Amino acid sequence: MSLQDWSDTVCSELGIEPDYDLDAILETARDVAHGVQRPAAPLTAFLVGYAAAMAGGSAADVDQALDQVTALAARWEE
């Protein structure tokens, strides 16, 4: 089973059809895991989703939250 299959199955189970960029989410999680610490990646993914939902839940809201956190992770390393 691929990660996309898992994601599709989870979405079906939860009854949601989000518009998201899987690669962008994984890249941000990678940046956080390497730049902050590994356990921060799943927590950050949750917080990005929460922030995007509070902002309206569009793909653009997710992208904006991902961009903000990626920039934060880069600053964190410095």
N, C-alpha and C. Protein backbone atom coordinates (compact mmCIF):
# COMPACT_ATOMS: atom_id res chain seq x y z
N MET A 1 0.84 -1.17 0.00
CA MET A 1 0.00 0.00 0.00
C MET A 1 0.90 1.24 0.00
N SER A 2 0.59 2.17 -0.84
CA SER A 2 1.36 3.41 -0.92
C SER A 2 0.86 4.41 0.11
N LEU A 3 1.63 5.44 0.31
CA LEU A 3 1.21 6.50 1.22
C LEU A 3 -0.04 7.20 0.71
N GLN A 4 -0.16 7.35 -0.62
CA GLN A 4 -1.36 7.95 -1.19
C GLN A 4 -2.59 7.05 -0.93
N ASP A 5 -2.39 5.73 -1.03
CA ASP A 5 -3.49 4.80 -0.73
C ASP A 5 -3.93 4.95 0.73
N TRP A 6 -2.94 5.04 1.63
CA TRP A 6 -3.25 5.21 3.04
C TRP A 6 -4.03 6.51 3.25
N SER A 7 -3.54 7.59 2.65
CA SER A 7 -4.20 8.88 2.78
C SER A 7 -5.64 8.83 2.27
N ASP A 8 -5.82 8.22 1.12
CA ASP A 8 -7.17 8.09 0.55
C ASP A 8 -8.09 7.28 1.47
N THR A 9 -7.55 6.23 2.05
CA THR A 9 -8.33 5.38 2.94
C THR A 9 -8.71 6.12 4.22
N VAL A 10 -7.76 6.86 4.78
CA VAL A 10 -8.04 7.65 5.98
C VAL A 10 -9.11 8.70 5.69
N CYS A 11 -8.98 9.39 4.57
CA CYS A 11 -9.97 10.40 4.20
C CYS A 11 -11.36 9.78 4.05
N SER A 12 -11.42 8.63 3.43
CA SER A 12 -12.69 7.93 3.28
C SER A 12 -13.27 7.56 4.64
N GLU A 13 -12.43 7.04 5.50
CA GLU A 13 -12.87 6.65 6.84
C GLU A 13 -13.40 7.84 7.62
N LEU A 14 -12.76 9.00 7.47
CA LEU A 14 -13.15 10.20 8.20
C LEU A 14 -14.26 10.99 7.50
N GLY A 15 -14.58 10.59 6.27
CA GLY A 15 -15.63 11.27 5.53
C GLY A 15 -15.23 12.66 5.07
N ILE A 16 -13.96 12.82 4.70
CA ILE A 16 -13.47 14.12 4.25
C ILE A 16 -12.86 14.00 2.86
N GLU A 17 -12.83 15.10 2.16
CA GLU A 17 -12.22 15.16 0.83
C GLU A 17 -11.35 16.41 0.73
N PRO A 18 -10.25 16.44 1.49
CA PRO A 18 -9.42 17.63 1.49
C PRO A 18 -8.66 17.80 0.18
N ASP A 19 -8.38 19.05 -0.14
CA ASP A 19 -7.55 19.39 -1.29
C ASP A 19 -6.17 19.73 -0.73
N TYR A 20 -5.18 18.87 -0.94
CA TYR A 20 -3.87 19.08 -0.34
C TYR A 20 -2.77 18.57 -1.25
N ASP A 21 -1.57 19.04 -0.98
CA ASP A 21 -0.38 18.64 -1.72
C ASP A 21 0.44 17.73 -0.82
N LEU A 22 0.34 16.43 -1.05
CA LEU A 22 1.01 15.45 -0.21
C LEU A 22 2.52 15.70 -0.16
N ASP A 23 3.13 16.01 -1.30
CA ASP A 23 4.57 16.24 -1.31
C ASP A 23 4.96 17.44 -0.45
N ALA A 24 4.18 18.50 -0.49
CA ALA A 24 4.48 19.69 0.32
C ALA A 24 4.38 19.37 1.81
N ILE A 25 3.38 18.57 2.18
CA ILE A 25 3.23 18.19 3.58
C ILE A 25 4.42 17.36 4.03
N LEU A 26 4.83 16.41 3.20
CA LEU A 26 5.97 15.56 3.55
C LEU A 26 7.27 16.35 3.60
N GLU A 27 7.43 17.31 2.71
CA GLU A 27 8.64 18.13 2.72
C GLU A 27 8.72 18.97 3.99
N THR A 28 7.59 19.54 4.39
CA THR A 28 7.58 20.33 5.62
C THR A 28 7.87 19.45 6.82
N ALA A 29 7.26 18.27 6.87
CA ALA A 29 7.52 17.34 7.97
C ALA A 29 9.00 16.95 8.01
N ARG A 30 9.60 16.74 6.85
CA ARG A 30 11.03 16.41 6.79
C ARG A 30 11.86 17.57 7.33
N ASP A 31 11.54 18.80 6.89
CA ASP A 31 12.31 19.96 7.34
C ASP A 31 12.21 20.13 8.85
N VAL A 32 11.03 19.92 9.39
CA VAL A 32 10.84 20.04 10.84
C VAL A 32 11.57 18.91 11.57
N ALA A 33 11.46 17.69 11.06
CA ALA A 33 12.12 16.55 11.71
C ALA A 33 13.63 16.74 11.76
N HIS A 34 14.19 17.27 10.70
CA HIS A 34 15.64 17.46 10.66
C HIS A 34 16.09 18.76 11.32
N GLY A 35 15.28 19.81 11.22
CA GLY A 35 15.69 21.11 11.73
C GLY A 35 15.32 21.37 13.17
N VAL A 36 14.32 20.69 13.67
CA VAL A 36 13.88 20.91 15.05
C VAL A 36 14.18 19.62 15.82
N GLN A 37 13.30 18.64 15.66
CA GLN A 37 13.53 17.28 16.16
C GLN A 37 12.44 16.38 15.62
N ARG A 38 12.75 15.11 15.53
CA ARG A 38 11.84 14.17 14.87
C ARG A 38 10.41 14.19 15.43
N PRO A 39 10.23 14.16 16.75
CA PRO A 39 8.86 14.15 17.26
C PRO A 39 8.06 15.42 16.93
N ALA A 40 8.74 16.47 16.51
CA ALA A 40 8.04 17.70 16.16
C ALA A 40 7.29 17.57 14.83
N ALA A 41 7.67 16.61 14.00
CA ALA A 41 7.05 16.48 12.67
C ALA A 41 5.56 16.14 12.75
N PRO A 42 5.14 15.09 13.47
CA PRO A 42 3.70 14.81 13.51
C PRO A 42 2.91 15.90 14.24
N LEU A 43 3.50 16.44 15.30
CA LEU A 43 2.84 17.53 16.01
C LEU A 43 2.64 18.73 15.08
N THR A 44 3.67 19.06 14.32
CA THR A 44 3.60 20.19 13.40
C THR A 44 2.57 19.94 12.30
N ALA A 45 2.51 18.71 11.80
CA ALA A 45 1.51 18.39 10.77
C ALA A 45 0.10 18.62 11.31
N PHE A 46 -0.13 18.22 12.55
CA PHE A 46 -1.43 18.46 13.17
C PHE A 46 -1.70 19.97 13.28
N LEU A 47 -0.72 20.71 13.76
CA LEU A 47 -0.90 22.14 13.96
C LEU A 47 -1.11 22.88 12.65
N VAL A 48 -0.41 22.46 11.59
CA VAL A 48 -0.62 23.05 10.27
C VAL A 48 -2.05 22.80 9.82
N GLY A 49 -2.52 21.58 9.98
CA GLY A 49 -3.90 21.26 9.60
C GLY A 49 -4.90 22.06 10.40
N TYR A 50 -4.63 22.21 11.68
CA TYR A 50 -5.53 22.97 12.54
C TYR A 50 -5.56 24.44 12.11
N ALA A 51 -4.38 25.01 11.88
CA ALA A 51 -4.31 26.41 11.45
C ALA A 51 -5.01 26.61 10.12
N ALA A 52 -4.80 25.69 9.19
CA ALA A 52 -5.44 25.80 7.88
C ALA A 52 -6.96 25.70 8.01
N ALA A 53 -7.43 24.82 8.86
CA ALA A 53 -8.87 24.69 9.07
C ALA A 53 -9.45 25.98 9.67
N MET A 54 -8.75 26.54 10.63
CA MET A 54 -9.22 27.77 11.27
C MET A 54 -9.23 28.95 10.28
N ALA A 55 -8.34 28.90 9.29
CA ALA A 55 -8.26 29.97 8.29
C ALA A 55 -9.27 29.79 7.16
N GLY A 56 -9.95 28.66 7.13
CA GLY A 56 -10.96 28.43 6.09
C GLY A 56 -10.87 27.05 5.46
N GLY A 57 -9.72 26.42 5.56
CA GLY A 57 -9.58 25.04 5.10
C GLY A 57 -9.31 24.82 3.63
N SER A 58 -9.01 25.87 2.89
CA SER A 58 -8.73 25.69 1.46
C SER A 58 -7.31 25.18 1.25
N ALA A 59 -7.04 24.72 0.04
CA ALA A 59 -5.68 24.30 -0.31
C ALA A 59 -4.71 25.45 -0.12
N ALA A 60 -5.13 26.66 -0.43
CA ALA A 60 -4.27 27.84 -0.25
C ALA A 60 -3.97 28.06 1.24
N ASP A 61 -4.95 27.79 2.10
CA ASP A 61 -4.73 27.93 3.54
C ASP A 61 -3.70 26.91 4.03
N VAL A 62 -3.79 25.70 3.52
CA VAL A 62 -2.80 24.66 3.87
C VAL A 62 -1.42 25.09 3.37
N ASP A 63 -1.35 25.52 2.12
CA ASP A 63 -0.06 25.94 1.55
C ASP A 63 0.56 27.08 2.35
N GLN A 64 -0.25 28.05 2.76
CA GLN A 64 0.27 29.18 3.52
C GLN A 64 0.83 28.71 4.87
N ALA A 65 0.10 27.84 5.55
CA ALA A 65 0.57 27.33 6.83
C ALA A 65 1.85 26.52 6.65
N LEU A 66 1.92 25.71 5.61
CA LEU A 66 3.13 24.93 5.34
C LEU A 66 4.31 25.85 5.08
N ASP A 67 4.09 26.89 4.28
CA ASP A 67 5.17 27.84 3.98
C ASP A 67 5.67 28.53 5.25
N GLN A 68 4.75 28.93 6.11
CA GLN A 68 5.13 29.60 7.36
C GLN A 68 5.97 28.68 8.24
N VAL A 69 5.55 27.43 8.36
CA VAL A 69 6.26 26.49 9.22
C VAL A 69 7.61 26.10 8.62
N THR A 70 7.68 25.96 7.30
CA THR A 70 8.95 25.65 6.66
C THR A 70 9.95 26.77 6.92
N ALA A 71 9.50 28.01 6.81
CA ALA A 71 10.38 29.16 7.08
C ALA A 71 10.79 29.16 8.55
N LEU A 72 9.87 28.86 9.44
CA LEU A 72 10.18 28.81 10.87
C LEU A 72 11.22 27.73 11.15
N ALA A 73 11.05 26.56 10.56
CA ALA A 73 12.02 25.46 10.76
C ALA A 73 13.40 25.86 10.26
N ALA A 74 13.46 26.59 9.15
CA ALA A 74 14.76 27.05 8.63
C ALA A 74 15.41 28.04 9.60
N ARG A 75 14.62 28.92 10.17
CA ARG A 75 15.16 29.88 11.16
C ARG A 75 15.57 29.16 12.43
N TRP A 76 14.84 28.13 12.79
CA TRP A 76 15.11 27.38 14.01
C TRP A 76 16.51 26.76 13.97
N GLU A 77 16.93 26.31 12.78
CA GLU A 77 18.24 25.68 12.61
C GLU A 77 19.37 26.67 12.83
N GLU A 78 19.13 27.95 12.59
CA GLU A 78 20.19 28.96 12.63
C GLU A 78 20.64 29.30 14.00
